[in-house]
N, C-alpha and C. Protein backbone atom coordinates (compact mmCIF):
# COMPACT_ATOMS: atom_id res chain seq x y z
N UNK A 1 20.69 -7.75 -15.21
CA UNK A 1 20.20 -7.19 -16.43
C UNK A 1 18.98 -7.77 -17.10
N UNK A 2 17.95 -6.89 -17.34
CA UNK A 2 16.45 -7.55 -17.79
C UNK A 2 17.06 -8.17 -19.47
N UNK A 3 16.57 -9.02 -19.53
CA UNK A 3 16.09 -9.53 -20.97
C UNK A 3 15.18 -8.42 -21.80
N UNK A 4 15.07 -8.96 -23.03
CA UNK A 4 14.45 -8.17 -24.10
C UNK A 4 12.58 -8.82 -23.61
N UNK A 5 12.79 -10.25 -23.71
CA UNK A 5 11.54 -10.83 -22.87
C UNK A 5 10.87 -9.94 -21.85
N UNK A 6 11.82 -9.81 -20.60
CA UNK A 6 11.66 -9.16 -19.18
C UNK A 6 11.26 -7.72 -19.43
N UNK A 7 11.53 -7.00 -20.52
CA UNK A 7 11.65 -5.90 -20.45
C UNK A 7 10.08 -5.61 -21.17
N UNK A 8 9.84 -6.54 -22.48
CA UNK A 8 8.58 -6.32 -22.80
C UNK A 8 7.47 -6.56 -21.78
N UNK A 9 7.74 -7.95 -21.08
CA UNK A 9 6.61 -8.01 -20.26
C UNK A 9 6.36 -6.81 -19.05
N UNK A 10 7.40 -6.27 -18.67
CA UNK A 10 7.23 -5.08 -17.66
C UNK A 10 6.52 -3.98 -18.48
N UNK A 11 6.79 -3.73 -19.93
CA UNK A 11 6.08 -2.90 -20.47
C UNK A 11 4.70 -3.12 -20.38
N UNK A 12 3.96 -4.51 -20.78
CA UNK A 12 2.78 -4.77 -20.81
C UNK A 12 1.99 -4.48 -19.64
N UNK A 13 2.83 -4.95 -18.47
CA UNK A 13 2.31 -4.94 -16.88
C UNK A 13 2.08 -3.62 -16.62
N UNK A 14 3.30 -2.69 -17.07
CA UNK A 14 2.78 -1.09 -16.63
C UNK A 14 1.75 -0.58 -17.43
N UNK A 15 1.68 -0.88 -18.50
CA UNK A 15 0.69 -0.24 -19.47
C UNK A 15 -0.76 -0.59 -18.96
N UNK A 16 -1.17 -1.86 -18.53
CA UNK A 16 -2.24 -2.05 -18.30
C UNK A 16 -2.63 -1.86 -16.40
N UNK A 17 -1.28 -1.89 -15.76
CA UNK A 17 -1.66 -1.23 -14.61
C UNK A 17 -2.21 0.04 -14.38
N UNK A 18 -1.44 1.01 -15.28
CA UNK A 18 -1.55 1.98 -15.31
C UNK A 18 -2.88 2.81 -15.60
N UNK A 19 -3.37 1.75 -16.68
CA UNK A 19 -4.69 2.12 -17.59
C UNK A 19 -5.72 2.05 -16.40
N UNK A 20 -5.56 0.97 -15.35
CA UNK A 20 -6.39 0.59 -14.53
C UNK A 20 -6.36 1.62 -13.26
N UNK A 21 -5.43 2.37 -13.47
CA UNK A 21 -5.39 3.57 -12.37
C UNK A 21 -4.47 3.37 -11.22
N UNK A 22 -3.51 2.16 -11.35
CA UNK A 22 -3.11 1.99 -10.23
C UNK A 22 -1.06 1.88 -10.61
N UNK A 23 -0.49 1.87 -9.28
CA UNK A 23 1.04 2.03 -9.45
C UNK A 23 1.73 0.44 -9.78
N UNK A 24 2.88 0.36 -10.72
CA UNK A 24 3.26 -1.06 -10.26
C UNK A 24 4.29 -0.60 -9.36
N UNK A 25 4.46 -1.80 -8.47
CA UNK A 25 5.40 -1.62 -7.44
C UNK A 25 6.37 -2.64 -7.50
N UNK A 26 6.38 -3.75 -8.03
CA UNK A 26 6.87 -4.74 -8.12
C UNK A 26 6.63 -5.86 -9.06
N UNK A 27 7.28 -6.39 -10.11
CA UNK A 27 7.25 -7.26 -10.97
C UNK A 27 8.34 -8.61 -10.79
N UNK A 28 7.88 -9.66 -10.73
CA UNK A 28 9.23 -10.76 -10.46
C UNK A 28 8.56 -12.28 -11.20
N UNK A 29 9.17 -12.61 -11.81
CA UNK A 29 9.30 -13.99 -12.71
C UNK A 29 10.24 -15.03 -12.33
N UNK A 30 9.35 -15.78 -11.37
CA UNK A 30 10.23 -17.17 -10.82
C UNK A 30 9.73 -18.13 -11.44
N UNK A 31 10.83 -19.29 -11.66
CA UNK A 31 10.47 -20.42 -11.85
C UNK A 31 10.07 -21.59 -10.81
N UNK A 32 9.17 -22.26 -11.19
CA UNK A 32 8.02 -23.19 -10.14
C UNK A 32 7.99 -24.37 -10.83
N UNK A 33 8.94 -25.33 -11.10
CA UNK A 33 8.73 -26.41 -11.67
C UNK A 33 8.68 -26.19 -13.18
N UNK A 34 7.99 -26.84 -14.04
CA UNK A 34 7.89 -26.39 -15.44
C UNK A 34 7.09 -25.02 -15.79
N UNK A 35 6.62 -24.24 -14.80
CA UNK A 35 6.16 -22.95 -15.48
C UNK A 35 7.15 -22.00 -14.52
N UNK A 36 6.17 -20.80 -14.98
CA UNK A 36 6.95 -19.37 -14.29
C UNK A 36 5.54 -18.81 -13.62
N UNK A 37 5.89 -18.55 -12.76
CA UNK A 37 5.11 -17.47 -11.55
C UNK A 37 5.37 -16.18 -11.68
N UNK A 38 4.34 -15.35 -12.38
CA UNK A 38 4.72 -13.86 -12.57
C UNK A 38 3.73 -13.26 -11.41
N UNK A 39 4.51 -12.58 -10.38
CA UNK A 39 3.96 -12.00 -9.25
C UNK A 39 3.90 -10.38 -9.64
N UNK A 40 3.06 -9.85 -9.46
CA UNK A 40 2.69 -8.39 -9.69
C UNK A 40 2.18 -7.72 -8.68
N UNK A 41 2.68 -6.53 -8.25
CA UNK A 41 2.27 -5.95 -7.01
C UNK A 41 2.11 -4.65 -7.40
N UNK A 42 0.64 -4.08 -7.43
CA UNK A 42 0.12 -2.84 -7.71
C UNK A 42 -0.34 -2.01 -6.49
N UNK A 43 -0.30 -0.89 -6.11
CA UNK A 43 -1.02 -0.13 -5.13
C UNK A 43 -1.51 1.17 -6.01
N UNK A 44 -2.35 1.71 -5.31
CA UNK A 44 -3.34 2.84 -5.52
C UNK A 44 -3.64 4.00 -4.42
N UNK A 45 -3.72 5.09 -4.63
CA UNK A 45 -4.27 5.95 -3.46
C UNK A 45 -5.30 5.79 -2.72
N UNK A 46 -6.19 4.98 -2.88
CA UNK A 46 -7.29 4.40 -2.48
C UNK A 46 -7.22 2.85 -2.20
N UNK A 47 -5.65 2.35 -2.07
CA UNK A 47 -5.43 1.08 -1.62
C UNK A 47 -5.86 -0.19 -3.05
N UNK A 48 -6.04 -1.14 -2.48
CA UNK A 48 -6.33 -2.28 -3.85
C UNK A 48 -7.04 -3.09 -3.22
N UNK A 49 -8.33 -3.15 -3.69
CA UNK A 49 -9.51 -4.37 -3.04
C UNK A 49 -9.02 -5.67 -3.64
N UNK A 50 -9.67 -7.02 -3.61
CA UNK A 50 -9.69 -8.19 -4.18
C UNK A 50 -10.34 -7.83 -5.60
N UNK A 51 -11.19 -7.20 -5.66
CA UNK A 51 -12.02 -7.09 -7.05
C UNK A 51 -11.01 -6.22 -7.86
N UNK A 52 -10.30 -5.10 -7.57
CA UNK A 52 -9.40 -4.53 -8.21
C UNK A 52 -8.30 -5.41 -8.70
N UNK A 53 -7.66 -6.28 -7.77
CA UNK A 53 -6.40 -7.15 -7.90
C UNK A 53 -7.11 -7.89 -9.04
N UNK A 54 -8.24 -8.71 -8.98
CA UNK A 54 -8.61 -9.49 -10.01
C UNK A 54 -9.13 -9.07 -11.17
N UNK A 55 -9.62 -7.78 -11.44
CA UNK A 55 -9.65 -6.96 -12.75
C UNK A 55 -8.48 -6.76 -13.55
N UNK A 56 -7.45 -6.24 -12.59
CA UNK A 56 -6.22 -6.24 -13.22
C UNK A 56 -5.32 -7.35 -13.72
N UNK A 57 -5.92 -8.37 -12.99
CA UNK A 57 -5.42 -9.80 -13.46
C UNK A 57 -5.75 -10.15 -14.77
N UNK A 58 -7.11 -10.12 -14.86
CA UNK A 58 -7.75 -10.37 -16.10
C UNK A 58 -7.36 -9.56 -17.03
N UNK A 59 -7.37 -8.26 -16.97
CA UNK A 59 -6.65 -7.21 -17.93
C UNK A 59 -4.99 -7.92 -18.60
N UNK A 60 -4.27 -8.15 -17.56
CA UNK A 60 -2.85 -8.39 -17.84
C UNK A 60 -2.89 -9.57 -18.69
N UNK A 61 -3.71 -10.75 -18.10
CA UNK A 61 -3.78 -12.09 -19.19
C UNK A 61 -4.33 -11.79 -20.53
N UNK A 62 -5.47 -11.03 -20.54
CA UNK A 62 -6.13 -10.70 -21.75
C UNK A 62 -5.07 -10.03 -22.70
N UNK A 63 -4.14 -9.19 -21.96
CA UNK A 63 -3.20 -8.14 -23.00
C UNK A 63 -2.13 -9.26 -23.37
N UNK A 64 -1.49 -10.18 -22.86
CA UNK A 64 -0.66 -11.06 -22.90
C UNK A 64 -0.95 -12.30 -23.95
N UNK A 65 -2.48 -12.48 -23.83
CA UNK A 65 -2.82 -13.36 -24.73
C UNK A 65 -3.13 -13.13 -26.07
N UNK A 66 -3.47 -11.84 -26.16
CA UNK A 66 -3.65 -10.99 -27.24
C UNK A 66 -2.54 -10.49 -27.83
N UNK A 67 -1.00 -10.59 -27.40
CA UNK A 67 -0.01 -10.34 -27.88
C UNK A 67 0.56 -11.20 -29.05
N UNK A 68 0.87 -10.71 -29.98
CA UNK A 68 1.52 -11.45 -30.66
C UNK A 68 2.91 -11.90 -30.71
N UNK A 69 3.57 -11.06 -29.89
CA UNK A 69 4.74 -11.02 -29.62
C UNK A 69 5.02 -11.02 -28.35
N UNK A 70 4.07 -12.27 -27.56
CA UNK A 70 3.91 -12.51 -25.99
C UNK A 70 5.10 -12.49 -25.28
N UNK A 71 5.30 -11.78 -24.78
CA UNK A 71 6.77 -11.92 -23.85
C UNK A 71 7.27 -12.96 -23.07
N UNK A 72 6.23 -13.87 -22.87
CA UNK A 72 5.87 -15.02 -21.93
C UNK A 72 6.41 -16.34 -22.93
N UNK A 73 6.02 -15.77 -23.95
CA UNK A 73 6.61 -17.08 -25.03
C UNK A 73 5.25 -18.19 -25.07
N UNK A 74 6.15 -19.36 -24.99
CA UNK A 74 5.55 -20.67 -25.13
C UNK A 74 5.12 -21.13 -23.51
N UNK A 75 5.86 -20.28 -22.56
CA UNK A 75 5.95 -20.83 -21.03
C UNK A 75 4.73 -21.04 -20.52
N UNK A 76 4.60 -21.88 -19.72
CA UNK A 76 3.02 -22.05 -19.05
C UNK A 76 3.76 -21.06 -17.72
N UNK A 77 2.55 -20.47 -17.42
CA UNK A 77 3.00 -19.40 -16.17
C UNK A 77 1.81 -18.92 -15.51
N UNK A 78 1.70 -18.88 -14.24
CA UNK A 78 0.36 -18.62 -13.28
C UNK A 78 0.78 -17.00 -12.97
N UNK A 79 -0.20 -16.31 -13.02
CA UNK A 79 -0.33 -14.92 -12.69
C UNK A 79 -0.71 -14.51 -11.13
N UNK A 80 -0.08 -13.80 -10.41
CA UNK A 80 -0.66 -13.17 -9.31
C UNK A 80 -0.59 -11.88 -9.01
N UNK A 81 -1.66 -11.14 -8.78
CA UNK A 81 -1.56 -9.77 -8.67
C UNK A 81 -2.14 -9.42 -7.30
N UNK A 82 -1.25 -8.86 -6.55
CA UNK A 82 -1.58 -8.53 -5.01
C UNK A 82 -1.44 -7.00 -5.01
N UNK A 83 -1.78 -6.34 -3.73
CA UNK A 83 -1.26 -5.45 -3.15
C UNK A 83 -0.18 -5.56 -2.16
N UNK A 84 0.84 -4.35 -2.05
CA UNK A 84 2.05 -4.53 -0.95
C UNK A 84 1.51 -4.76 0.37
N UNK A 85 2.22 -5.88 1.31
CA UNK A 85 1.94 -6.31 2.47
C UNK A 85 2.14 -5.35 3.30
N UNK A 86 2.05 -5.24 4.53
CA UNK A 86 2.16 -4.56 5.99
C UNK A 86 3.98 -3.95 6.10
N UNK A 87 4.83 -5.14 5.80
CA UNK A 87 5.99 -5.13 6.21
C UNK A 87 6.92 -4.37 5.05
N UNK A 88 6.17 -4.15 3.58
CA UNK A 88 6.96 -3.64 2.72
C UNK A 88 7.77 -2.22 3.03
N UNK A 89 8.72 -2.53 2.39
CA UNK A 89 9.56 -0.96 2.60
C UNK A 89 8.90 0.29 2.15
N UNK A 90 8.85 1.29 2.55
CA UNK A 90 8.31 2.62 2.21
C UNK A 90 9.60 3.13 1.43
N UNK A 91 9.46 3.38 0.36
CA UNK A 91 10.87 4.17 -0.43
C UNK A 91 10.25 5.00 -1.53
N UNK A 92 8.94 5.74 -1.41
CA UNK A 92 8.69 6.72 -2.53
C UNK A 92 7.72 7.73 -1.77
N UNK A 93 7.74 9.08 -2.30
CA UNK A 93 6.89 9.40 -1.57
C UNK A 93 5.27 9.38 -1.44
N UNK A 94 4.96 8.40 -2.59
CA UNK A 94 3.83 8.21 -2.74
C UNK A 94 3.27 7.20 -1.78
N UNK A 95 4.54 6.25 -1.54
CA UNK A 95 4.16 5.02 -0.28
C UNK A 95 3.76 5.75 1.16
N UNK A 96 4.64 7.00 1.66
CA UNK A 96 4.48 7.49 2.46
C UNK A 96 3.15 8.27 2.60
N UNK A 97 2.52 9.18 1.55
CA UNK A 97 1.07 9.73 1.35
C UNK A 97 0.09 8.44 1.68
N UNK A 98 0.32 7.24 1.09
CA UNK A 98 -0.46 6.18 1.16
C UNK A 98 -0.51 5.92 2.47
N UNK A 99 0.52 5.99 3.29
CA UNK A 99 0.63 5.27 4.74
C UNK A 99 -0.20 6.45 5.51
N UNK A 100 -0.58 7.40 5.36
CA UNK A 100 -0.88 8.67 6.27
C UNK A 100 -1.97 8.02 7.44
N UNK A 101 -1.81 8.65 8.57
CA UNK A 101 -2.37 7.77 9.46
C UNK A 101 -1.50 6.65 10.10
N UNK A 102 -0.95 6.14 9.50
CA UNK A 102 -0.35 4.76 9.78
C UNK A 102 0.73 4.83 10.79
N UNK A 103 1.16 3.98 11.69
CA UNK A 103 2.46 3.83 12.60
C UNK A 103 3.28 3.68 11.37
N UNK A 104 4.88 4.48 11.19
CA UNK A 104 5.85 3.74 10.74
C UNK A 104 7.21 4.08 11.76
N UNK A 105 8.10 2.89 11.24
CA UNK A 105 9.32 3.12 11.88
C UNK A 105 10.41 3.34 10.78
N UNK A 106 11.48 4.18 11.13
CA UNK A 106 12.23 5.00 10.19
C UNK A 106 13.65 4.42 10.82
N UNK A 107 14.49 4.31 9.85
CA UNK A 107 15.87 4.61 10.44
C UNK A 107 16.34 5.45 9.31
N UNK A 108 17.06 6.39 10.14
CA UNK A 108 17.47 7.81 9.38
C UNK A 108 19.08 7.05 8.56
N UNK A 109 19.62 8.05 8.08
CA UNK A 109 21.26 7.64 7.41
C UNK A 109 22.03 7.72 8.50
N UNK A 110 21.83 8.82 9.27
CA UNK A 110 22.75 8.93 10.42
C UNK A 110 22.65 7.57 11.80
N UNK A 111 21.68 6.77 11.44
CA UNK A 111 21.27 5.72 12.36
C UNK A 111 20.32 5.88 13.43
N UNK A 112 19.75 6.96 13.51
CA UNK A 112 18.75 7.12 14.42
C UNK A 112 17.38 6.38 14.05
N UNK A 113 16.66 5.86 14.89
CA UNK A 113 15.24 4.97 14.93
C UNK A 113 14.23 6.14 15.38
N UNK A 114 13.51 6.36 14.63
CA UNK A 114 12.16 7.11 14.34
C UNK A 114 10.83 6.39 14.68
N UNK A 115 9.90 6.56 15.39
CA UNK A 115 8.41 6.05 15.13
C UNK A 115 7.96 6.99 15.29
N UNK A 116 6.75 6.91 14.50
CA UNK A 116 5.55 7.67 14.59
C UNK A 116 4.33 7.84 13.85
N UNK A 117 3.45 8.51 13.72
CA UNK A 117 2.24 8.47 12.70
C UNK A 117 2.24 9.18 11.72
N UNK A 118 2.29 9.13 10.46
CA UNK A 118 2.24 9.89 9.21
C UNK A 118 1.16 11.12 9.10
N UNK A 119 1.43 12.26 9.40
CA UNK A 119 0.33 13.16 9.35
C UNK A 119 0.22 13.75 7.90
N UNK A 120 1.41 13.97 7.21
CA UNK A 120 1.29 14.41 5.51
C UNK A 120 2.68 14.02 5.34
N UNK A 121 2.70 14.04 4.02
CA UNK A 121 3.85 13.88 3.11
C UNK A 121 3.94 14.52 1.71
N UNK A 122 4.86 15.27 1.46
CA UNK A 122 5.02 16.18 0.39
C UNK A 122 6.02 14.92 -0.66
N UNK A 123 6.54 15.68 -1.69
CA UNK A 123 7.39 14.99 -2.57
C UNK A 123 8.91 15.16 -1.84
N UNK A 124 9.02 15.83 -0.93
CA UNK A 124 10.59 15.99 -0.07
C UNK A 124 10.63 15.58 1.06
N UNK A 125 9.49 15.55 2.00
CA UNK A 125 9.32 15.32 3.46
C UNK A 125 8.02 14.68 3.61
N UNK A 126 8.17 13.70 5.26
CA UNK A 126 6.68 13.83 5.72
C UNK A 126 7.18 14.40 6.74
N UNK A 127 5.64 14.51 7.52
CA UNK A 127 5.79 15.07 9.10
C UNK A 127 5.17 13.79 9.77
N UNK A 128 5.63 13.73 11.05
CA UNK A 128 5.29 12.34 11.67
C UNK A 128 4.99 12.96 12.94
N UNK A 129 3.76 12.57 13.81
CA UNK A 129 3.66 12.55 14.83
C UNK A 129 4.04 11.64 15.51
N UNK A 130 4.94 12.11 16.60
CA UNK A 130 5.91 11.49 17.73
C UNK A 130 5.98 12.03 18.81
N UNK A 131 6.65 11.75 19.48
CA UNK A 131 7.42 12.00 20.97
C UNK A 131 6.34 11.29 22.11
N UNK A 132 6.73 11.53 23.20
CA UNK A 132 5.82 11.11 24.42
C UNK A 132 4.29 11.40 24.27
N UNK A 133 3.69 12.59 23.82
CA UNK A 133 2.35 12.56 23.77
C UNK A 133 1.79 12.06 22.34
N UNK A 134 2.83 11.52 21.50
CA UNK A 134 2.20 11.07 20.21
C UNK A 134 1.94 12.13 19.30
N UNK A 135 2.01 13.42 19.61
CA UNK A 135 1.26 15.00 18.56
C UNK A 135 2.09 15.69 18.46
N UNK A 136 3.48 15.68 18.86
CA UNK A 136 4.75 16.23 18.34
C UNK A 136 4.88 16.23 17.00
N UNK A 137 4.70 17.45 16.19
CA UNK A 137 5.26 17.06 14.73
C UNK A 137 6.91 17.00 14.55
N UNK A 138 7.34 16.15 13.79
CA UNK A 138 8.42 16.27 13.29
C UNK A 138 8.43 15.93 11.77
N UNK A 139 9.49 17.10 11.11
CA UNK A 139 9.58 16.88 9.69
C UNK A 139 10.83 16.23 9.42
N UNK A 140 10.61 15.12 8.41
CA UNK A 140 11.81 14.27 7.97
C UNK A 140 11.89 14.48 6.56
N UNK A 141 13.20 14.80 6.19
CA UNK A 141 13.39 14.72 4.72
C UNK A 141 13.60 13.31 4.17
N UNK A 142 12.97 13.23 3.09
CA UNK A 142 13.18 11.97 2.30
C UNK A 142 14.79 11.61 2.33
N UNK A 143 15.43 12.45 1.82
CA UNK A 143 17.00 12.25 1.75
C UNK A 143 17.47 12.03 2.90
N UNK A 144 17.28 11.89 4.18
CA UNK A 144 17.67 11.39 5.52
C UNK A 144 17.24 10.03 5.86
N UNK A 145 16.41 9.41 5.06
CA UNK A 145 15.74 8.14 5.30
C UNK A 145 16.62 7.06 4.70
N UNK A 146 17.15 5.83 5.37
CA UNK A 146 17.70 4.91 5.28
C UNK A 146 16.63 3.57 4.87
N UNK A 147 15.90 3.63 5.61
CA UNK A 147 14.88 2.44 5.77
C UNK A 147 13.84 2.88 6.69
N UNK A 148 12.60 2.53 5.92
CA UNK A 148 11.35 2.95 6.52
C UNK A 148 10.02 2.08 6.18
N UNK A 149 8.96 1.40 7.36
CA UNK A 149 8.14 0.60 6.90
C UNK A 149 6.94 0.93 7.96
N UNK A 150 5.59 0.34 7.34
CA UNK A 150 4.63 0.46 8.11
C UNK A 150 4.77 -0.64 9.41
N UNK A 151 4.12 -0.05 10.35
CA UNK A 151 4.33 -1.11 11.64
C UNK A 151 2.85 -1.29 12.05
N UNK A 152 2.79 -2.96 12.67
CA UNK A 152 1.41 -3.25 13.03
C UNK A 152 1.39 -2.28 14.23
N UNK A 153 -0.18 -1.96 14.64
CA UNK A 153 -0.27 -1.12 15.79
C UNK A 153 -1.55 -1.90 16.56
N UNK A 154 -0.72 -2.59 17.62
CA UNK A 154 -1.88 -3.37 18.50
C UNK A 154 -2.83 -2.60 19.39
N UNK A 155 -2.61 -1.14 19.45
CA UNK A 155 -3.49 -0.76 20.36
C UNK A 155 -4.40 0.55 19.97
N UNK A 156 -5.09 0.99 20.32
CA UNK A 156 -5.97 2.18 19.77
C UNK A 156 -5.41 3.44 20.08
N UNK A 157 -4.71 4.23 18.82
CA UNK A 157 -4.20 5.74 19.27
C UNK A 157 -4.95 6.20 20.34
N UNK A 158 -4.30 7.38 21.05
CA UNK A 158 -5.22 8.19 21.83
C UNK A 158 -6.11 9.00 21.33
N UNK A 159 -6.92 9.59 21.95
CA UNK A 159 -8.01 10.66 21.45
C UNK A 159 -7.30 11.63 20.58
N UNK A 160 -6.37 12.19 21.69
CA UNK A 160 -5.62 13.39 21.00
C UNK A 160 -4.96 12.98 19.44
N UNK A 161 -4.35 12.08 19.37
CA UNK A 161 -3.54 11.56 18.37
C UNK A 161 -4.74 11.36 17.03
N UNK A 162 -5.76 10.66 17.70
CA UNK A 162 -6.86 10.31 16.46
C UNK A 162 -7.29 11.92 16.14
N UNK A 163 -7.47 12.84 16.98
CA UNK A 163 -7.89 14.13 16.42
C UNK A 163 -7.14 14.65 15.49
N UNK A 164 -5.68 14.89 15.75
CA UNK A 164 -4.68 15.28 15.04
C UNK A 164 -4.69 14.62 13.68
N UNK A 165 -4.84 13.12 13.53
CA UNK A 165 -5.07 12.56 12.30
C UNK A 165 -6.19 12.66 11.49
N UNK A 166 -7.29 13.21 11.97
CA UNK A 166 -8.75 13.71 11.47
C UNK A 166 -9.03 11.97 11.23
N UNK A 167 -8.96 11.08 12.53
CA UNK A 167 -9.38 9.66 12.77
C UNK A 167 -10.77 9.96 13.28
N UNK A 168 -11.88 9.30 12.59
CA UNK A 168 -13.52 9.80 13.44
C UNK A 168 -13.31 8.25 14.31
N UNK A 169 -13.87 8.86 15.46
CA UNK A 169 -13.98 7.69 16.49
C UNK A 169 -15.54 6.89 15.93
N UNK A 170 -15.27 5.30 15.97
CA UNK A 170 -15.92 4.50 15.75
C UNK A 170 -16.69 3.71 17.23
N UNK A 171 -17.44 3.38 17.22
CA UNK A 171 -18.16 2.48 18.26
C UNK A 171 -17.18 1.24 18.66
N UNK A 172 -16.70 1.31 19.81
CA UNK A 172 -16.01 0.05 20.24
C UNK A 172 -16.61 -1.68 19.73
N UNK A 173 -17.67 -1.65 19.68
CA UNK A 173 -18.14 -2.96 18.90
C UNK A 173 -19.53 -2.75 18.24
N UNK A 174 -20.12 -3.86 17.64
CA UNK A 174 -21.42 -3.96 17.01
C UNK A 174 -22.24 -3.70 17.76
N UNK A 175 -22.48 -4.34 18.92
CA UNK A 175 -23.42 -4.14 19.98
C UNK A 175 -23.57 -2.93 20.25
N UNK A 176 -22.78 -2.00 20.75
CA UNK A 176 -22.78 -0.52 20.86
C UNK A 176 -23.12 -0.05 20.00
N UNK A 177 -22.92 -0.26 18.46
CA UNK A 177 -23.50 0.56 17.22
C UNK A 177 -25.02 0.07 17.17
N UNK A 178 -25.55 -1.11 17.34
CA UNK A 178 -26.44 -1.43 17.31
C UNK A 178 -27.59 -0.93 18.47
N UNK A 179 -26.78 -0.95 19.71
CA UNK A 179 -27.96 -0.07 20.68
C UNK A 179 -28.26 1.38 20.43
N UNK A 180 -26.66 1.84 19.79
CA UNK A 180 -27.10 3.36 19.68
C UNK A 180 -28.20 3.66 18.43
N UNK A 181 -28.19 2.91 17.43
CA UNK A 181 -29.32 2.99 16.23
C UNK A 181 -30.64 2.79 17.24
N UNK A 182 -30.44 1.76 17.96
CA UNK A 182 -32.14 1.20 18.47
C UNK A 182 -32.70 2.34 19.51
N UNK A 183 -31.55 2.87 20.24
CA UNK A 183 -32.15 4.26 20.95
C UNK A 183 -32.41 5.27 20.25
N UNK A 184 -31.90 5.60 18.94
CA UNK A 184 -32.14 6.33 18.19
C UNK A 184 -33.69 6.30 17.38
N UNK A 185 -33.64 5.13 17.00
CA UNK A 185 -35.06 4.80 16.29
C UNK A 185 -36.20 4.82 17.33
N UNK A 186 -36.22 4.41 18.60
CA UNK A 186 -37.10 4.37 19.81
C UNK A 186 -37.42 5.66 20.18
N UNK A 187 -36.35 6.88 20.05
CA UNK A 187 -36.67 8.41 20.09
C UNK A 187 -37.73 8.86 19.23
N UNK A 188 -37.44 8.09 17.82
CA UNK A 188 -38.02 8.79 16.93
C UNK A 188 -39.60 8.53 16.74
N UNK A 189 -40.12 7.81 17.32
CA UNK A 189 -41.72 7.20 17.36
C UNK A 189 -42.39 8.35 18.32
């Protein structure tokens, strides 16, 4: 059960986060010696850059400093604003929308293990690209998902899968890109 101060802190952080165009994914306060560590996890449809996290951190600090009824009181605190990590659980439809093109692993409520790339997600279900070819579409209703998370992908998806996901091919390395630009420039002369 949250205390009044924790509810006020959450309200302030949610307000500032929403104003900045992000969703508050998590808020924790932990004792660290004589001070409190306030960890704020934010996310957005376009991700969270370091500049975004810094701007939200400054805005939260400013709001807390200006609040006459500061939910942190006189306690010394450190504020950390970050984005969700790769292994964080996917629990809401927006998490799956933001994981579009990513490889996810899912455990269903009946214990089946699924793995595939997120092609699409609505408020009710997601479409995975799965199977031996990696391009078979499978619709999974959110109410059948017990656990899900993004997986680290160590190899590049097949050309067929990249095409299905709408991922543009990029040059394999910087030297190839430079060679391609040099060749194009030479041809223009």
